[in-house]
Amino acid sequence: MCNLECAISDRGEAWSATPKNFHFLSDAKNIDVLRAANMNTVSLANNHALDYGYDALTDTLELLDSAAVYHAGASRSLSEAEKPAIIKTNKGKVGIIAFTDNEPAWESTPEKPGVFYVPIELKDGRAVHLLELIKQTKNVVDLLIVSAHWGPNWGYEPPQRRVPFAQALVDAGADVVFGHSGYVFRGIEICKHRPILYCVGDFIDDYAVDFV
């Protein structure tokens, strides 16, 4: 599993509704990179999923489906974006729920494509809904991974406000909290015998910067 922090498409225009320094897009043919790496599950809940608009997000979803790559965290509507990916293995079912607290303007709704956006505030209704979704999903899977694309870039320690939130994810039923966003490793906590990976850093960071 990885956090796929780009759109995969041969079309779309760079997002301009809100200011961004970087827009990440990979050619449609590069779906073969995921195949070659045997990467069969991706999180799409991040601040680059809609870098090239709704058409590119649609292409990304279709390419992942055609390559038999499971995905969670962004889609054509809120019900699809929050829907867990459930993978059957020879040792049981693995579930993946993916959310982000980045790019609130990209929050999916029942009628609008986007990401599964959840503020890191335990009293927020969207956080309450996430915790309930975790409880429900844990009832039907053997292992539940919650992917969290949260917080700012850089830093060496987990932001303090994320600690109680991450622990609440475990209390609700997460077996692994898979955190990312900061580009650097930011620590592991073992909570009730379950790992919280606050930020795993980068696996592959391969992009060209055009200064023109």
Protein backbone atom coordinates (compact mmCIF):
# COMPACT_ATOMS: atom_id res chain seq x y z
CA MET A 1 0.00 0.00 0.00
CA CYS A 2 1.07 3.58 -0.64
CA ASN A 3 -0.25 7.11 -0.63
CA LEU A 4 -0.60 8.04 -4.31
CA GLU A 5 0.06 11.77 -4.21
CA CYS A 6 -0.73 12.69 -7.79
CA ALA A 7 -3.34 12.29 -10.50
CA ILE A 8 -2.72 9.72 -13.24
CA SER A 9 -4.12 11.08 -16.47
CA ASP A 10 -3.36 12.52 -19.90
CA ARG A 11 -5.80 15.39 -19.54
CA GLY A 12 -6.93 18.13 -17.17
CA GLU A 13 -5.91 21.67 -16.27
CA ALA A 14 -3.88 22.66 -13.23
CA TRP A 15 -6.13 23.55 -10.28
CA SER A 16 -6.39 27.33 -9.98
CA ALA A 17 -9.37 27.93 -7.67
CA THR A 18 -7.04 28.03 -4.67
CA PRO A 19 -3.31 28.93 -4.79
CA LYS A 20 -0.85 26.02 -4.96
CA ASN A 21 2.89 25.95 -5.48
CA PHE A 22 3.01 22.44 -6.92
CA HIS A 23 0.66 20.42 -9.10
CA PHE A 24 1.43 16.71 -9.50
CA LEU A 25 0.37 14.75 -12.59
CA SER A 26 1.67 11.46 -13.98
CA ASP A 27 1.02 10.16 -17.51
CA ALA A 28 -1.67 7.52 -17.85
CA LYS A 29 0.92 4.99 -19.06
CA ASN A 30 2.58 5.18 -15.64
CA ILE A 31 -0.14 3.04 -14.13
CA ASP A 32 2.30 0.30 -15.19
CA VAL A 33 4.69 1.50 -12.46
CA LEU A 34 2.18 0.45 -9.80
CA ARG A 35 1.72 -2.89 -11.56
CA ALA A 36 5.48 -3.46 -11.76
CA ALA A 37 5.89 -2.65 -8.06
CA ASN A 38 3.03 -5.01 -7.16
CA MET A 39 1.43 -2.06 -5.35
CA ASN A 40 -2.15 -3.26 -5.17
CA THR A 41 -3.68 -0.64 -2.86
CA VAL A 42 -3.43 3.18 -2.78
CA SER A 43 -4.78 6.02 -0.71
CA LEU A 44 -6.11 8.96 -2.72
CA ALA A 45 -7.03 11.15 0.26
CA ASN A 46 -4.38 13.84 -0.04
CA ASN A 47 -3.73 17.40 -1.19
CA HIS A 48 -2.77 16.47 -4.75
CA ALA A 49 -5.62 14.18 -5.79
CA LEU A 50 -7.40 17.04 -7.58
CA ASP A 51 -4.33 18.92 -8.81
CA TYR A 52 -5.59 18.58 -12.39
CA GLY A 53 -9.30 18.76 -11.75
CA TYR A 54 -12.22 16.39 -11.79
CA ASP A 55 -11.51 14.85 -15.21
CA ALA A 56 -8.03 13.78 -14.12
CA LEU A 57 -9.43 12.34 -10.89
CA THR A 58 -11.97 10.35 -12.92
CA ASP A 59 -9.18 9.04 -15.14
CA THR A 60 -7.16 8.08 -12.07
CA LEU A 61 -10.06 6.08 -10.65
CA GLU A 62 -10.68 4.30 -13.95
CA LEU A 63 -7.00 3.50 -14.49
CA LEU A 64 -6.66 2.09 -10.98
CA ASP A 65 -9.76 -0.05 -11.49
CA SER A 66 -8.49 -1.32 -14.83
CA ALA A 67 -5.17 -2.27 -13.20
CA ALA A 68 -6.96 -4.02 -10.30
CA VAL A 69 -5.48 -1.58 -7.79
CA TYR A 70 -7.69 -1.02 -4.76
CA HIS A 71 -8.18 2.60 -3.70
CA ALA A 72 -9.86 4.67 -1.00
CA GLY A 73 -10.12 8.28 0.06
CA ALA A 74 -11.23 10.21 -3.04
CA SER A 75 -13.93 9.59 -5.61
CA ARG A 76 -17.00 10.88 -7.44
CA SER A 77 -19.04 11.48 -4.27
CA LEU A 78 -18.70 11.37 -0.49
CA SER A 79 -20.23 7.90 -0.24
CA GLU A 80 -17.58 6.57 -2.62
CA ALA A 81 -14.68 8.58 -1.15
CA GLU A 82 -15.32 7.32 2.39
CA LYS A 83 -16.03 3.75 1.30
CA PRO A 84 -13.42 1.35 2.69
CA ALA A 85 -11.40 -0.75 0.30
CA ILE A 86 -11.73 -4.36 1.40
CA ILE A 87 -9.17 -6.89 0.22
CA LYS A 88 -9.58 -10.64 0.61
CA THR A 89 -6.38 -12.49 1.42
CA ASN A 90 -5.66 -16.10 2.33
CA LYS A 91 -5.42 -14.97 5.96
CA GLY A 92 -8.63 -12.95 6.08
CA LYS A 93 -10.01 -9.57 5.03
CA VAL A 94 -8.00 -6.35 5.16
CA GLY A 95 -9.85 -3.04 5.20
CA ILE A 96 -8.48 0.40 4.31
CA ILE A 97 -10.11 3.72 5.16
CA ALA A 98 -8.34 6.86 3.92
CA PHE A 99 -8.93 10.46 4.97
CA THR A 100 -7.13 13.82 4.92
CA ASP A 101 -7.28 17.10 6.79
CA ASN A 102 -5.65 18.91 3.84
CA GLU A 103 -7.44 20.98 1.18
CA PRO A 104 -10.88 21.57 2.75
CA ALA A 105 -12.01 23.08 -0.57
CA TRP A 106 -11.74 19.59 -2.04
CA GLU A 107 -14.12 17.99 0.46
CA SER A 108 -16.41 15.54 -1.31
CA THR A 109 -20.16 15.83 -0.82
CA PRO A 110 -23.07 13.61 -1.87
CA GLU A 111 -23.15 15.54 -5.16
CA LYS A 112 -19.51 16.61 -5.65
CA PRO A 113 -16.32 14.62 -6.30
CA GLY A 114 -13.41 15.11 -3.97
CA VAL A 115 -11.51 13.72 -1.02
CA PHE A 116 -12.71 12.24 2.27
CA TYR A 117 -11.95 15.35 4.30
CA VAL A 118 -11.93 15.12 8.11
CA PRO A 119 -10.70 17.92 10.41
CA ILE A 120 -8.45 16.77 13.26
CA GLU A 121 -10.98 17.83 15.88
CA LEU A 122 -12.62 15.01 17.84
CA LYS A 123 -15.80 17.02 18.43
CA ASP A 124 -16.29 17.82 14.74
CA GLY A 125 -19.19 15.87 13.23
CA ARG A 126 -16.99 14.59 10.41
CA ALA A 127 -14.53 13.16 12.93
CA VAL A 128 -17.38 11.53 14.83
CA HIS A 129 -18.57 10.02 11.55
CA LEU A 130 -15.06 8.72 10.76
CA LEU A 131 -14.81 6.99 14.14
CA GLU A 132 -18.20 5.36 13.62
CA LEU A 133 -17.15 4.24 10.13
CA ILE A 134 -14.04 2.65 11.65
CA LYS A 135 -16.15 0.77 14.20
CA GLN A 136 -18.52 -0.50 11.51
CA THR A 137 -15.71 -1.56 9.18
CA LYS A 138 -13.78 -3.34 11.92
CA ASN A 139 -16.82 -5.57 12.40
CA VAL A 140 -16.42 -7.02 8.88
CA VAL A 141 -12.63 -7.20 8.46
CA ASP A 142 -9.79 -8.97 10.25
CA LEU A 143 -7.26 -6.13 9.92
CA LEU A 144 -8.12 -2.45 9.52
CA ILE A 145 -5.66 0.16 8.25
CA VAL A 146 -6.59 3.83 8.57
CA SER A 147 -4.60 6.04 6.20
CA ALA A 148 -4.25 9.64 7.42
CA HIS A 149 -2.79 12.34 5.19
CA TRP A 150 -2.55 15.02 7.81
CA GLY A 151 -0.69 18.06 8.97
CA PRO A 152 1.94 20.35 7.48
CA ASN A 153 5.17 19.47 5.72
CA TRP A 154 8.39 18.88 7.61
CA GLY A 155 9.04 18.73 11.34
CA TYR A 156 10.62 16.03 13.47
CA GLU A 157 7.94 15.14 15.99
CA PRO A 158 4.21 14.40 15.61
CA PRO A 159 2.10 17.56 16.13
CA GLN A 160 0.63 17.26 19.62
CA ARG A 161 -2.97 17.68 18.52
CA ARG A 162 -2.64 14.58 16.35
CA VAL A 163 -1.73 12.29 19.25
CA PRO A 164 -5.18 12.10 20.92
CA PHE A 165 -6.81 11.90 17.50
CA ALA A 166 -4.62 8.99 16.46
CA GLN A 167 -5.29 7.23 19.74
CA ALA A 168 -9.03 7.69 19.15
CA LEU A 169 -8.65 5.97 15.78
CA VAL A 170 -7.14 2.98 17.58
CA ASP A 171 -9.86 3.04 20.23
CA ALA A 172 -12.46 2.94 17.45
CA GLY A 173 -10.88 -0.16 15.88
CA ALA A 174 -7.90 0.81 13.71
CA ASP A 175 -5.22 -1.89 13.80
CA VAL A 176 -2.68 0.31 12.00
CA VAL A 177 -2.66 4.09 11.62
CA PHE A 178 -0.72 4.83 8.42
CA GLY A 179 0.18 8.53 8.63
CA HIS A 180 1.84 10.63 5.95
CA SER A 181 2.07 14.14 4.46
CA GLY A 182 5.22 15.59 6.03
CA TYR A 183 7.84 14.14 3.63
CA VAL A 184 9.97 13.06 6.61
CA PHE A 185 9.71 10.31 9.21
CA ARG A 186 7.96 11.62 12.33
CA GLY A 187 7.78 8.79 14.82
CA ILE A 188 5.89 5.65 15.85
CA GLU A 189 3.70 5.07 18.88
CA ILE A 190 2.49 1.66 20.02
CA CYS A 191 -1.01 2.18 21.39
CA LYS A 192 -2.81 -0.85 22.83
CA HIS A 193 -0.36 -3.08 20.91
CA ARG A 194 -1.21 -1.34 17.61
CA PRO A 195 1.22 0.84 15.66
CA ILE A 196 0.55 4.49 14.96
CA LEU A 197 2.89 5.65 12.19
CA TYR A 198 2.58 9.41 12.48
CA CYS A 199 4.45 10.12 9.25
CA VAL A 200 6.31 7.52 7.23
CA GLY A 201 8.16 9.94 4.96
CA ASP A 202 8.59 9.36 1.22
CA PHE A 203 8.85 6.02 -0.55
CA ILE A 204 9.42 7.34 -4.08
CA ASP A 205 9.73 11.07 -4.75
CA ASP A 206 10.25 11.41 -8.48
CA TYR A 207 9.14 14.57 -10.21
CA ALA A 208 10.52 17.30 -12.43
CA VAL A 209 10.26 20.98 -11.52
CA ASP A 210 9.60 23.42 -14.37
CA PHE A 211 10.79 26.90 -13.34
CA VAL A 212 9.44 28.56 -16.49
